Amino acid sequence: MAMIESGLAACLKWCARKGDLVVDTLIKWGIPAVGGGYLALNPDKVSALIEAVEAWLPFF
């Protein structure tokens, strides 16, 4: 019975590591996709931001 429990524990640990890897990968892929998607969908806001930065540059 102890062998079955240790085998099950090893399987659960392996699954947990794979689940953690999946979450990490989704986060790495999701952050640029969300940011890039926002920029692609709102080019007018990006150009407004660029103009505002250019207007303030002489003061720095």
Protein backbone atom coordinates (compact mmCIF):
# COMPACT_ATOMS: atom_id res chain seq x y z
CA MET A 1 0.00 0.00 0.00
CA ALA A 2 2.87 2.39 0.75
CA MET A 3 4.20 1.96 -2.81
CA ILE A 4 0.86 2.99 -4.26
CA GLU A 5 0.72 6.08 -2.04
CA SER A 6 4.27 7.11 -2.91
CA GLY A 7 3.58 6.55 -6.62
CA LEU A 8 0.42 8.63 -6.39
CA ALA A 9 2.29 11.37 -4.54
CA ALA A 10 4.97 11.41 -7.24
CA CYS A 11 2.31 11.68 -9.96
CA LEU A 12 0.59 14.55 -8.15
CA LYS A 13 3.88 16.41 -7.75
CA TRP A 14 4.63 15.95 -11.47
CA CYS A 15 1.17 17.24 -12.40
CA ALA A 16 1.59 20.24 -10.11
CA ARG A 17 4.93 21.14 -11.73
CA LYS A 18 3.38 20.88 -15.19
CA GLY A 19 0.44 23.03 -14.08
CA ASP A 20 2.84 25.64 -12.76
CA LEU A 21 4.70 25.62 -16.08
CA VAL A 22 1.43 26.09 -17.96
CA VAL A 23 0.49 29.09 -15.82
CA ASP A 24 3.93 30.65 -16.22
CA THR A 25 3.80 30.17 -19.99
CA LEU A 26 0.33 31.68 -20.24
CA ILE A 27 1.48 34.71 -18.27
CA LYS A 28 4.54 35.16 -20.51
CA TRP A 29 2.39 34.96 -23.65
CA GLY A 30 -0.57 36.92 -22.27
CA ILE A 31 1.12 40.10 -21.13
CA PRO A 32 2.60 41.08 -24.52
CA ALA A 33 -0.57 40.01 -26.32
CA VAL A 34 -2.76 42.22 -24.12
CA GLY A 35 -0.42 45.19 -24.36
CA GLY A 36 0.12 44.80 -28.08
CA GLY A 37 -3.60 44.32 -28.66
CA TYR A 38 -4.43 47.52 -26.83
CA LEU A 39 -1.88 49.48 -28.84
CA ALA A 40 -3.12 48.01 -32.10
CA LEU A 41 -6.76 48.80 -31.29
CA ASN A 42 -6.11 52.36 -30.04
CA PRO A 43 -3.59 54.04 -32.36
CA ASP A 44 -5.15 57.45 -31.74
CA LYS A 45 -4.34 57.22 -28.05
CA VAL A 46 -0.78 56.19 -28.82
CA SER A 47 -0.30 59.17 -31.12
CA ALA A 48 -1.82 61.48 -28.50
CA LEU A 49 0.64 60.13 -25.95
CA ILE A 50 3.56 60.70 -28.32
CA GLU A 51 2.44 64.28 -28.96
CA ALA A 52 2.10 64.95 -25.22
CA VAL A 53 5.59 63.62 -24.55
CA GLU A 54 7.02 65.73 -27.36
CA ALA A 55 5.30 68.80 -25.94
CA TRP A 56 6.80 68.22 -22.48
CA LEU A 57 10.34 67.31 -23.64
CA PRO A 58 11.58 70.93 -23.73
CA PHE A 59 10.77 71.27 -20.02
CA PHE A 60 13.04 68.39 -19.05
